[in-house]
Amino acid sequence: MNFNEDLGILGQISQQDMTERDPKGARESFDSFRDDLMGMNDLRDDVERVMRKNYPNSVYYTRGLERKEPWWKLW
C-alpha cells in the first residue's frame, strides 16, 4: 500500500514524474488504502452490540439515557 519513489539511475536521468509513470499502480494503492479505511467498523457500534447481547436486561438499556436521578445513583 506504499508508493516507492526510488526509480534508480535511469529515473534520475530521465526526471520522469512519478504520477505519469504508473497510473495503474497509483490507482491500486489508492484502492487498497480506501478498502482498509472503509473496511474498519466503528468500535462504538461493536461495543454497543456486545453490551446488548451480554446484558439484555440491563437498567441502562431499559431506561435509556434520559433519567431524572443523579448519575451516581445507579439503583
N, C-alpha and C. Protein backbone atom coordinates (compact mmCIF):
# COMPACT_ATOMS: atom_id res chain seq x y z
N MET A 1 0.81 -1.18 0.00
CA MET A 1 0.00 0.00 0.00
C MET A 1 0.86 1.25 0.00
N ASN A 2 2.15 1.09 -0.16
CA ASN A 2 3.01 2.26 -0.20
C ASN A 2 3.41 2.57 -1.64
N PHE A 3 4.00 3.71 -1.82
CA PHE A 3 4.38 4.17 -3.15
C PHE A 3 5.89 4.36 -3.16
N ASN A 4 6.59 3.53 -3.90
CA ASN A 4 8.04 3.55 -3.92
C ASN A 4 8.52 4.61 -4.92
N GLU A 5 9.25 5.59 -4.43
CA GLU A 5 9.71 6.68 -5.30
C GLU A 5 11.10 6.44 -5.86
N ASP A 6 11.75 5.36 -5.50
CA ASP A 6 13.10 5.10 -5.97
C ASP A 6 13.05 4.57 -7.40
N LEU A 7 13.51 5.37 -8.35
CA LEU A 7 13.48 4.99 -9.76
C LEU A 7 14.80 4.40 -10.23
N GLY A 8 15.82 4.52 -9.43
CA GLY A 8 17.12 4.03 -9.84
C GLY A 8 17.88 5.07 -10.64
N ILE A 9 18.94 4.63 -11.29
CA ILE A 9 19.81 5.56 -12.02
C ILE A 9 19.14 6.09 -13.29
N LEU A 10 18.35 5.26 -13.95
CA LEU A 10 17.65 5.74 -15.16
C LEU A 10 16.56 6.73 -14.81
N GLY A 11 15.96 6.58 -13.67
CA GLY A 11 14.95 7.53 -13.24
C GLY A 11 15.53 8.90 -12.95
N GLN A 12 16.74 8.92 -12.42
CA GLN A 12 17.39 10.20 -12.16
C GLN A 12 17.79 10.88 -13.47
N ILE A 13 18.12 10.11 -14.47
CA ILE A 13 18.50 10.68 -15.76
C ILE A 13 17.28 11.23 -16.49
N SER A 14 16.19 10.47 -16.49
CA SER A 14 15.01 10.88 -17.26
C SER A 14 14.17 11.94 -16.57
N GLN A 15 14.27 12.06 -15.25
CA GLN A 15 13.48 13.04 -14.48
C GLN A 15 11.98 12.91 -14.77
N GLN A 16 11.53 11.68 -14.85
CA GLN A 16 10.12 11.42 -15.14
C GLN A 16 9.28 11.62 -13.88
N ASP A 17 8.10 12.20 -14.07
CA ASP A 17 7.18 12.41 -12.95
C ASP A 17 6.59 11.08 -12.51
N MET A 18 6.56 10.85 -11.21
CA MET A 18 6.08 9.57 -10.69
C MET A 18 4.59 9.36 -10.96
N THR A 19 3.82 10.44 -11.01
CA THR A 19 2.39 10.28 -11.25
C THR A 19 2.11 9.87 -12.69
N GLU A 20 2.98 10.24 -13.61
CA GLU A 20 2.79 9.85 -15.01
C GLU A 20 3.35 8.47 -15.29
N ARG A 21 4.16 7.97 -14.40
CA ARG A 21 4.88 6.72 -14.65
C ARG A 21 3.97 5.51 -14.60
N ASP A 22 3.15 5.40 -13.55
CA ASP A 22 2.37 4.18 -13.37
C ASP A 22 1.00 4.52 -12.77
N PRO A 23 0.04 4.96 -13.60
CA PRO A 23 -1.27 5.30 -13.06
C PRO A 23 -2.01 4.09 -12.50
N LYS A 24 -1.76 2.91 -13.05
CA LYS A 24 -2.42 1.71 -12.54
C LYS A 24 -1.93 1.39 -11.13
N GLY A 25 -0.64 1.53 -10.89
CA GLY A 25 -0.09 1.29 -9.56
C GLY A 25 -0.61 2.29 -8.54
N ALA A 26 -0.73 3.55 -8.97
CA ALA A 26 -1.27 4.57 -8.07
C ALA A 26 -2.72 4.28 -7.75
N ARG A 27 -3.47 3.83 -8.75
CA ARG A 27 -4.88 3.51 -8.53
C ARG A 27 -5.02 2.31 -7.60
N GLU A 28 -4.19 1.29 -7.78
CA GLU A 28 -4.24 0.12 -6.89
C GLU A 28 -3.87 0.50 -5.47
N SER A 29 -2.90 1.38 -5.32
CA SER A 29 -2.50 1.83 -3.99
C SER A 29 -3.64 2.59 -3.33
N PHE A 30 -4.30 3.46 -4.07
CA PHE A 30 -5.43 4.20 -3.52
C PHE A 30 -6.58 3.27 -3.17
N ASP A 31 -6.87 2.30 -4.03
CA ASP A 31 -7.96 1.36 -3.75
C ASP A 31 -7.69 0.53 -2.51
N SER A 32 -6.46 0.08 -2.33
CA SER A 32 -6.15 -0.71 -1.13
C SER A 32 -6.24 0.16 0.12
N PHE A 33 -5.82 1.41 0.03
CA PHE A 33 -5.94 2.31 1.18
C PHE A 33 -7.41 2.57 1.50
N ARG A 34 -8.23 2.79 0.49
CA ARG A 34 -9.65 3.03 0.71
C ARG A 34 -10.32 1.80 1.31
N ASP A 35 -9.96 0.61 0.83
CA ASP A 35 -10.54 -0.61 1.38
C ASP A 35 -10.16 -0.78 2.85
N ASP A 36 -8.92 -0.47 3.18
CA ASP A 36 -8.50 -0.57 4.58
C ASP A 36 -9.24 0.44 5.45
N LEU A 37 -9.39 1.65 4.94
CA LEU A 37 -10.02 2.69 5.71
C LEU A 37 -11.51 2.44 5.88
N MET A 38 -12.19 2.09 4.81
CA MET A 38 -13.63 1.87 4.87
C MET A 38 -14.00 0.52 5.45
N GLY A 39 -13.06 -0.40 5.47
CA GLY A 39 -13.36 -1.73 5.99
C GLY A 39 -13.40 -1.79 7.50
N MET A 40 -12.87 -0.77 8.17
CA MET A 40 -12.87 -0.78 9.63
C MET A 40 -14.26 -0.45 10.15
N ASN A 41 -14.72 -1.25 11.08
CA ASN A 41 -16.01 -0.98 11.69
C ASN A 41 -15.86 0.07 12.77
N ASP A 42 -16.94 0.74 13.04
CA ASP A 42 -16.95 1.69 14.13
C ASP A 42 -16.95 0.92 15.44
N LEU A 43 -15.96 1.14 16.27
CA LEU A 43 -15.82 0.37 17.50
C LEU A 43 -16.96 0.64 18.47
N ARG A 44 -17.54 1.83 18.42
CA ARG A 44 -18.66 2.11 19.32
C ARG A 44 -19.84 1.22 18.99
N ASP A 45 -20.08 0.96 17.73
CA ASP A 45 -21.17 0.06 17.36
C ASP A 45 -20.91 -1.35 17.85
N ASP A 46 -19.67 -1.79 17.79
CA ASP A 46 -19.33 -3.13 18.26
C ASP A 46 -19.53 -3.25 19.76
N VAL A 47 -19.12 -2.23 20.51
CA VAL A 47 -19.29 -2.26 21.96
C VAL A 47 -20.77 -2.27 22.31
N GLU A 48 -21.53 -1.46 21.62
CA GLU A 48 -22.98 -1.42 21.86
C GLU A 48 -23.61 -2.78 21.59
N ARG A 49 -23.23 -3.41 20.51
CA ARG A 49 -23.78 -4.72 20.16
C ARG A 49 -23.42 -5.77 21.20
N VAL A 50 -22.18 -5.78 21.64
CA VAL A 50 -21.74 -6.77 22.64
C VAL A 50 -22.45 -6.53 23.97
N MET A 51 -22.58 -5.28 24.37
CA MET A 51 -23.26 -4.98 25.63
C MET A 51 -24.73 -5.40 25.58
N ARG A 52 -25.40 -5.15 24.47
CA ARG A 52 -26.81 -5.56 24.36
C ARG A 52 -26.93 -7.08 24.37
N LYS A 53 -25.96 -7.76 23.81
CA LYS A 53 -26.00 -9.23 23.79
C LYS A 53 -25.73 -9.80 25.17
N ASN A 54 -24.73 -9.26 25.87
CA ASN A 54 -24.34 -9.81 27.17
C ASN A 54 -25.24 -9.37 28.31
N TYR A 55 -25.82 -8.19 28.21
CA TYR A 55 -26.66 -7.66 29.28
C TYR A 55 -28.00 -7.20 28.71
N PRO A 56 -28.86 -8.12 28.28
CA PRO A 56 -30.12 -7.71 27.64
C PRO A 56 -31.10 -7.05 28.61
N ASN A 57 -31.03 -7.37 29.89
CA ASN A 57 -31.97 -6.80 30.87
C ASN A 57 -31.32 -5.70 31.69
N SER A 58 -30.34 -5.06 31.15
CA SER A 58 -29.63 -4.01 31.86
C SER A 58 -30.54 -2.82 32.10
N VAL A 59 -30.34 -2.19 33.26
CA VAL A 59 -31.12 -1.00 33.60
C VAL A 59 -30.83 0.12 32.60
N TYR A 60 -29.62 0.19 32.15
CA TYR A 60 -29.23 1.22 31.18
C TYR A 60 -30.04 1.11 29.90
N TYR A 61 -30.22 -0.11 29.40
CA TYR A 61 -30.93 -0.28 28.13
C TYR A 61 -32.44 -0.19 28.30
N THR A 62 -32.96 -0.60 29.45
CA THR A 62 -34.41 -0.49 29.64
C THR A 62 -34.81 0.94 29.93
N ARG A 63 -33.98 1.70 30.63
CA ARG A 63 -34.31 3.07 31.00
C ARG A 63 -33.96 4.05 29.89
N GLY A 64 -32.85 3.84 29.23
CA GLY A 64 -32.39 4.77 28.22
C GLY A 64 -31.48 5.82 28.82
N LEU A 65 -31.17 6.84 28.06
CA LEU A 65 -30.26 7.87 28.54
C LEU A 65 -30.95 8.92 29.40
N GLU A 66 -32.24 9.13 29.22
CA GLU A 66 -32.95 10.13 29.99
C GLU A 66 -33.31 9.56 31.35
N ARG A 67 -32.81 10.18 32.39
CA ARG A 67 -33.16 9.76 33.75
C ARG A 67 -33.23 10.99 34.63
N LYS A 68 -34.11 10.93 35.60
CA LYS A 68 -34.33 12.07 36.49
C LYS A 68 -33.34 12.07 37.66
N GLU A 69 -32.87 10.90 38.06
CA GLU A 69 -31.97 10.82 39.21
C GLU A 69 -30.56 11.27 38.82
N PRO A 70 -29.74 11.63 39.81
CA PRO A 70 -28.34 11.95 39.52
C PRO A 70 -27.60 10.73 39.00
N TRP A 71 -26.49 10.95 38.34
CA TRP A 71 -25.76 9.87 37.69
C TRP A 71 -25.16 8.90 38.68
N TRP A 72 -24.89 9.33 39.93
CA TRP A 72 -24.25 8.42 40.87
C TRP A 72 -25.22 7.46 41.53
N LYS A 73 -26.50 7.68 41.37
CA LYS A 73 -27.50 6.76 41.93
C LYS A 73 -27.83 5.72 40.87
N LEU A 74 -27.21 4.58 40.97
CA LEU A 74 -27.41 3.55 39.95
C LEU A 74 -28.63 2.70 40.23
N TRP A 75 -29.00 2.52 41.53
CA TRP A 75 -30.15 1.67 41.84
C TRP A 75 -31.19 2.43 42.60
